[in-house]
Amino acid sequence: EGLKDTTWKPLSGTTPCFPAWASGHS
């Protein structure tokens, strides 16, 4: 949305549907 690159996908293929902070895995 910010960089307007609509084709970019995360390496994992999915992303959680809640805000980013803080990393639980970390």
PDB file of all heavy atoms in Angstrom:
ATOM      1  N   GLU A   1       0.814  -1.216   0.000  1.00  0.00           N
ATOM      2  CA  GLU A   1       0.000   0.000   0.000  1.00  0.00           C
ATOM      3  C   GLU A   1       0.848   1.267   0.000  1.00  0.00           C
ATOM      4  O   GLU A   1       0.560   2.207  -0.729  1.00  0.00           O
ATOM      5  CB  GLU A   1      -0.951  -0.016   1.189  1.00  0.00           C
ATOM      6  CG  GLU A   1      -1.961  -1.149   1.094  1.00  0.00           C
ATOM      7  CD  GLU A   1      -2.796  -1.311   2.348  1.00  0.00           C
ATOM      8  OE1 GLU A   1      -3.059  -0.290   3.022  1.00  0.00           O
ATOM      9  OE2 GLU A   1      -3.188  -2.451   2.646  1.00  0.00           O
ATOM     10  N   GLY A   2       1.886   1.297   0.835  1.00  0.00           N
ATOM     11  CA  GLY A   2       2.721   2.493   0.936  1.00  0.00           C
ATOM     12  C   GLY A   2       3.646   2.677  -0.248  1.00  0.00           C
ATOM     13  O   GLY A   2       3.787   3.771  -0.784  1.00  0.00           O
ATOM     14  N   LEU A   3       4.277   1.596  -0.683  1.00  0.00           N
ATOM     15  CA  LEU A   3       5.215   1.669  -1.813  1.00  0.00           C
ATOM     16  C   LEU A   3       4.549   1.331  -3.146  1.00  0.00           C
ATOM     17  O   LEU A   3       5.191   1.371  -4.184  1.00  0.00           O
ATOM     18  CB  LEU A   3       6.407   0.734  -1.571  1.00  0.00           C
ATOM     19  CG  LEU A   3       7.278   1.064  -0.364  1.00  0.00           C
ATOM     20  CD1 LEU A   3       8.379   0.026  -0.210  1.00  0.00           C
ATOM     21  CD2 LEU A   3       7.870   2.463  -0.496  1.00  0.00           C
ATOM     22  N   LYS A   4       3.274   0.957  -3.082  1.00  0.00           N
ATOM     23  CA  LYS A   4       2.485   0.639  -4.282  1.00  0.00           C
ATOM     24  C   LYS A   4       3.047  -0.545  -5.080  1.00  0.00           C
ATOM     25  O   LYS A   4       2.945  -0.595  -6.288  1.00  0.00           O
ATOM     26  CB  LYS A   4       2.366   1.864  -5.195  1.00  0.00           C
ATOM     27  CG  LYS A   4       1.868   3.112  -4.516  1.00  0.00           C
ATOM     28  CD  LYS A   4       0.438   2.962  -4.072  1.00  0.00           C
ATOM     29  CE  LYS A   4      -0.069   4.294  -3.517  1.00  0.00           C
ATOM     30  NZ  LYS A   4      -0.989   4.145  -2.443  1.00  0.00           N
ATOM     31  N   ASP A   5       3.650  -1.502  -4.366  1.00  0.00           N
ATOM     32  CA  ASP A   5       4.132  -2.724  -5.024  1.00  0.00           C
ATOM     33  C   ASP A   5       3.145  -3.836  -4.690  1.00  0.00           C
ATOM     34  O   ASP A   5       3.334  -4.603  -3.745  1.00  0.00           O
ATOM     35  CB  ASP A   5       5.539  -3.080  -4.546  1.00  0.00           C
ATOM     36  CG  ASP A   5       6.118  -4.287  -5.268  1.00  0.00           C
ATOM     37  OD1 ASP A   5       5.367  -4.975  -5.995  1.00  0.00           O
ATOM     38  OD2 ASP A   5       7.314  -4.562  -5.097  1.00  0.00           O
ATOM     39  N   THR A   6       2.092  -3.923  -5.469  1.00  0.00           N
ATOM     40  CA  THR A   6       0.994  -4.841  -5.167  1.00  0.00           C
ATOM     41  C   THR A   6       1.334  -6.302  -5.415  1.00  0.00           C
ATOM     42  O   THR A   6       0.583  -7.192  -5.014  1.00  0.00           O
ATOM     43  CB  THR A   6      -0.255  -4.473  -5.992  1.00  0.00           C
ATOM     44  OG1 THR A   6       0.101  -4.479  -7.371  1.00  0.00           O
ATOM     45  CG2 THR A   6      -0.772  -3.093  -5.600  1.00  0.00           C
ATOM     46  N   THR A   7       2.458  -6.582  -6.053  1.00  0.00           N
ATOM     47  CA  THR A   7       2.825  -7.965  -6.343  1.00  0.00           C
ATOM     48  C   THR A   7       3.748  -8.568  -5.288  1.00  0.00           C
ATOM     49  O   THR A   7       3.981  -9.774  -5.297  1.00  0.00           O
ATOM     50  CB  THR A   7       3.512  -8.072  -7.713  1.00  0.00           C
ATOM     51  OG1 THR A   7       4.707  -7.304  -7.697  1.00  0.00           O
ATOM     52  CG2 THR A   7       2.588  -7.575  -8.823  1.00  0.00           C
ATOM     53  N   TRP A   8       4.278  -7.741  -4.368  1.00  0.00           N
ATOM     54  CA  TRP A   8       5.221  -8.250  -3.366  1.00  0.00           C
ATOM     55  C   TRP A   8       4.515  -9.182  -2.402  1.00  0.00           C
ATOM     56  O   TRP A   8       3.391  -8.936  -1.968  1.00  0.00           O
ATOM     57  CB  TRP A   8       5.859  -7.107  -2.585  1.00  0.00           C
ATOM     58  CG  TRP A   8       6.931  -7.579  -1.661  1.00  0.00           C
ATOM     59  CD1 TRP A   8       8.234  -7.799  -1.972  1.00  0.00           C
ATOM     60  CD2 TRP A   8       6.797  -7.905  -0.271  1.00  0.00           C
ATOM     61  NE1 TRP A   8       8.915  -8.243  -0.868  1.00  0.00           N
ATOM     62  CE2 TRP A   8       8.066  -8.324   0.196  1.00  0.00           C
ATOM     63  CE3 TRP A   8       5.731  -7.907   0.631  1.00  0.00           C
ATOM     64  CZ2 TRP A   8       8.298  -8.714   1.503  1.00  0.00           C
ATOM     65  CZ3 TRP A   8       5.960  -8.295   1.932  1.00  0.00           C
ATOM     66  CH2 TRP A   8       7.233  -8.693   2.357  1.00  0.00           C
ATOM     67  N   LYS A   9       5.179 -10.308  -2.098  1.00  0.00           N
ATOM     68  CA  LYS A   9       4.638 -11.277  -1.146  1.00  0.00           C
ATOM     69  C   LYS A   9       5.709 -11.599  -0.116  1.00  0.00           C
ATOM     70  O   LYS A   9       6.882 -11.741  -0.456  1.00  0.00           O
ATOM     71  CB  LYS A   9       4.222 -12.564  -1.855  1.00  0.00           C
ATOM     72  CG  LYS A   9       3.074 -12.385  -2.791  1.00  0.00           C
ATOM     73  CD  LYS A   9       2.706 -13.694  -3.443  1.00  0.00           C
ATOM     74  CE  LYS A   9       1.562 -13.461  -4.407  1.00  0.00           C
ATOM     75  NZ  LYS A   9       1.240 -14.646  -5.179  1.00  0.00           N
ATOM     76  N   PRO A  10       5.308 -11.775   1.150  1.00  0.00           N
ATOM     77  CA  PRO A  10       6.279 -12.178   2.160  1.00  0.00           C
ATOM     78  C   PRO A  10       6.786 -13.597   1.873  1.00  0.00           C
ATOM     79  O   PRO A  10       6.072 -14.400   1.276  1.00  0.00           O
ATOM     80  CB  PRO A  10       5.499 -12.119   3.472  1.00  0.00           C
ATOM     81  CG  PRO A  10       4.069 -12.200   3.080  1.00  0.00           C
ATOM     82  CD  PRO A  10       3.967 -11.631   1.691  1.00  0.00           C
ATOM     83  N   LEU A  11       7.990 -13.876   2.298  1.00  0.00           N
ATOM     84  CA  LEU A  11       8.605 -15.181   2.078  1.00  0.00           C
ATOM     85  C   LEU A  11       7.736 -16.308   2.632  1.00  0.00           C
ATOM     86  O   LEU A  11       7.651 -17.388   2.062  1.00  0.00           O
ATOM     87  CB  LEU A  11       9.997 -15.214   2.718  1.00  0.00           C
ATOM     88  CG  LEU A  11      10.848 -16.444   2.502  1.00  0.00           C
ATOM     89  CD1 LEU A  11      11.088 -16.702   1.024  1.00  0.00           C
ATOM     90  CD2 LEU A  11      12.174 -16.290   3.231  1.00  0.00           C
ATOM     91  N   SER A  12       7.060 -16.046   3.733  1.00  0.00           N
ATOM     92  CA  SER A  12       6.231 -17.076   4.361  1.00  0.00           C
ATOM     93  C   SER A  12       4.945 -17.341   3.586  1.00  0.00           C
ATOM     94  O   SER A  12       4.292 -18.351   3.811  1.00  0.00           O
ATOM     95  CB  SER A  12       5.879 -16.680   5.797  1.00  0.00           C
ATOM     96  OG  SER A  12       5.051 -15.535   5.780  1.00  0.00           O
ATOM     97  N   GLY A  13       4.556 -16.430   2.698  1.00  0.00           N
ATOM     98  CA  GLY A  13       3.321 -16.600   1.945  1.00  0.00           C
ATOM     99  C   GLY A  13       2.101 -16.037   2.650  1.00  0.00           C
ATOM    100  O   GLY A  13       1.097 -15.746   2.031  1.00  0.00           O
ATOM    101  N   THR A  14       2.189 -15.902   3.970  1.00  0.00           N
ATOM    102  CA  THR A  14       1.072 -15.347   4.739  1.00  0.00           C
ATOM    103  C   THR A  14       1.613 -14.345   5.749  1.00  0.00           C
ATOM    104  O   THR A  14       2.808 -14.306   6.029  1.00  0.00           O
ATOM    105  CB  THR A  14       0.316 -16.448   5.516  1.00  0.00           C
ATOM    106  OG1 THR A  14       1.225 -17.069   6.430  1.00  0.00           O
ATOM    107  CG2 THR A  14      -0.262 -17.488   4.580  1.00  0.00           C
ATOM    108  N   THR A  15       0.722 -13.572   6.289  1.00  0.00           N
ATOM    109  CA  THR A  15       1.095 -12.626   7.329  1.00  0.00           C
ATOM    110  C   THR A  15      -0.058 -12.527   8.318  1.00  0.00           C
ATOM    111  O   THR A  15      -1.224 -12.613   7.917  1.00  0.00           O
ATOM    112  CB  THR A  15       1.453 -11.251   6.709  1.00  0.00           C
ATOM    113  OG1 THR A  15       2.068 -10.443   7.691  1.00  0.00           O
ATOM    114  CG2 THR A  15       0.264 -10.546   6.134  1.00  0.00           C
ATOM    115  N   PRO A  16       0.229 -12.389   9.608  1.00  0.00           N
ATOM    116  CA  PRO A  16      -0.852 -12.300  10.594  1.00  0.00           C
ATOM    117  C   PRO A  16      -1.759 -11.094  10.338  1.00  0.00           C
ATOM    118  O   PRO A  16      -1.332 -10.094   9.767  1.00  0.00           O
ATOM    119  CB  PRO A  16      -0.108 -12.147  11.919  1.00  0.00           C
ATOM    120  CG  PRO A  16       1.230 -12.752  11.663  1.00  0.00           C
ATOM    121  CD  PRO A  16       1.548 -12.422  10.238  1.00  0.00           C
ATOM    122  N   CYS A  17      -2.986 -11.207  10.785  1.00  0.00           N
ATOM    123  CA  CYS A  17      -3.982 -10.153  10.530  1.00  0.00           C
ATOM    124  C   CYS A  17      -4.127  -9.197  11.712  1.00  0.00           C
ATOM    125  O   CYS A  17      -5.191  -8.655  11.949  1.00  0.00           O
ATOM    126  CB  CYS A  17      -5.325 -10.791  10.192  1.00  0.00           C
ATOM    127  SG  CYS A  17      -5.964 -11.825  11.515  1.00  0.00           S
ATOM    128  N   PHE A  18      -3.032  -8.970  12.452  1.00  0.00           N
ATOM    129  CA  PHE A  18      -3.048  -8.005  13.547  1.00  0.00           C
ATOM    130  C   PHE A  18      -1.764  -7.190  13.473  1.00  0.00           C
ATOM    131  O   PHE A  18      -0.822  -7.584  12.788  1.00  0.00           O
ATOM    132  CB  PHE A  18      -3.205  -8.708  14.910  1.00  0.00           C
ATOM    133  CG  PHE A  18      -2.295  -9.889  15.094  1.00  0.00           C
ATOM    134  CD1 PHE A  18      -0.988  -9.728  15.548  1.00  0.00           C
ATOM    135  CD2 PHE A  18      -2.734 -11.169  14.810  1.00  0.00           C
ATOM    136  CE1 PHE A  18      -0.153 -10.819  15.719  1.00  0.00           C
ATOM    137  CE2 PHE A  18      -1.911 -12.264  14.976  1.00  0.00           C
ATOM    138  CZ  PHE A  18      -0.609 -12.084  15.436  1.00  0.00           C
ATOM    139  N   PRO A  19      -1.692  -6.051  14.165  1.00  0.00           N
ATOM    140  CA  PRO A  19      -0.525  -5.168  14.047  1.00  0.00           C
ATOM    141  C   PRO A  19       0.800  -5.870  14.351  1.00  0.00           C
ATOM    142  O   PRO A  19       0.843  -6.893  15.036  1.00  0.00           O
ATOM    143  CB  PRO A  19      -0.805  -4.068  15.056  1.00  0.00           C
ATOM    144  CG  PRO A  19      -2.284  -4.045  15.164  1.00  0.00           C
ATOM    145  CD  PRO A  19      -2.711  -5.486  15.031  1.00  0.00           C
ATOM    146  N   ALA A  20       1.885  -5.297  13.864  1.00  0.00           N
ATOM    147  CA  ALA A  20       3.192  -5.949  13.852  1.00  0.00           C
ATOM    148  C   ALA A  20       3.903  -6.032  15.190  1.00  0.00           C
ATOM    149  O   ALA A  20       4.632  -6.963  15.433  1.00  0.00           O
ATOM    150  CB  ALA A  20       4.108  -5.238  12.848  1.00  0.00           C
ATOM    151  N   TRP A  21       3.762  -5.110  16.072  1.00  0.00           N
ATOM    152  CA  TRP A  21       4.634  -5.002  17.239  1.00  0.00           C
ATOM    153  C   TRP A  21       4.067  -5.769  18.416  1.00  0.00           C
ATOM    154  O   TRP A  21       2.861  -5.725  18.641  1.00  0.00           O
ATOM    155  CB  TRP A  21       4.770  -3.525  17.591  1.00  0.00           C
ATOM    156  CG  TRP A  21       5.650  -3.253  18.728  1.00  0.00           C
ATOM    157  CD1 TRP A  21       6.998  -3.117  18.693  1.00  0.00           C
ATOM    158  CD2 TRP A  21       5.262  -3.063  20.080  1.00  0.00           C
ATOM    159  NE1 TRP A  21       7.482  -2.848  19.935  1.00  0.00           N
ATOM    160  CE2 TRP A  21       6.423  -2.819  20.820  1.00  0.00           C
ATOM    161  CE3 TRP A  21       4.061  -3.089  20.766  1.00  0.00           C
ATOM    162  CZ2 TRP A  21       6.421  -2.582  22.185  1.00  0.00           C
ATOM    163  CZ3 TRP A  21       4.054  -2.867  22.116  1.00  0.00           C
ATOM    164  CH2 TRP A  21       5.229  -2.604  22.809  1.00  0.00           C
ATOM    165  N   ALA A  22       4.836  -6.383  19.246  1.00  0.00           N
ATOM    166  CA  ALA A  22       6.228  -6.823  19.142  1.00  0.00           C
ATOM    167  C   ALA A  22       6.251  -8.280  18.676  1.00  0.00           C
ATOM    168  O   ALA A  22       5.247  -8.976  18.789  1.00  0.00           O
ATOM    169  CB  ALA A  22       6.936  -6.722  20.489  1.00  0.00           C
ATOM    170  N   SER A  23       7.391  -8.742  18.220  1.00  0.00           N
ATOM    171  CA  SER A  23       7.493 -10.093  17.687  1.00  0.00           C
ATOM    172  C   SER A  23       7.417 -11.147  18.785  1.00  0.00           C
ATOM    173  O   SER A  23       8.298 -11.235  19.640  1.00  0.00           O
ATOM    174  CB  SER A  23       8.803 -10.247  16.922  1.00  0.00           C
ATOM    175  OG  SER A  23       9.044 -11.605  16.623  1.00  0.00           O
ATOM    176  N   GLY A  24       6.370 -11.945  18.750  1.00  0.00           N
ATOM    177  CA  GLY A  24       6.219 -13.028  19.720  1.00  0.00           C
ATOM    178  C   GLY A  24       7.300 -14.088  19.571  1.00  0.00           C
ATOM    179  O   GLY A  24       7.845 -14.572  20.565  1.00  0.00           O
ATOM    180  N   HIS A  25       7.635 -14.448  18.324  1.00  0.00           N
ATOM    181  CA  HIS A  25       8.684 -15.443  18.105  1.00  0.00           C
ATOM    182  C   HIS A  25      10.018 -14.966  18.670  1.00  0.00           C
ATOM    183  O   HIS A  25      10.764 -15.748  19.264  1.00  0.00           O
ATOM    184  CB  HIS A  25       8.826 -15.762  16.612  1.00  0.00           C
ATOM    185  CG  HIS A  25       7.758 -16.651  16.082  1.00  0.00           C
ATOM    186  ND1 HIS A  25       6.521 -16.180  15.740  1.00  0.00           N
ATOM    187  CD2 HIS A  25       7.749 -17.971  15.830  1.00  0.00           C
ATOM    188  CE1 HIS A  25       5.783 -17.185  15.304  1.00  0.00           C
ATOM    189  NE2 HIS A  25       6.506 -18.290  15.347  1.00  0.00           N
ATOM    190  N   SER A  26      10.311 -13.689  18.492  1.00  0.00           N
ATOM    191  CA  SER A  26      11.558 -13.133  19.041  1.00  0.00           C
ATOM    192  C   SER A  26      11.537 -13.204  20.564  1.00  0.00           C
ATOM    193  O   SER A  26      12.555 -13.521  21.185  1.00  0.00           O
ATOM    194  CB  SER A  26      11.739 -11.681  18.601  1.00  0.00           C
ATOM    195  OG  SER A  26      11.810 -11.592  17.206  1.00  0.00           O
TER     196      SER A  26
END
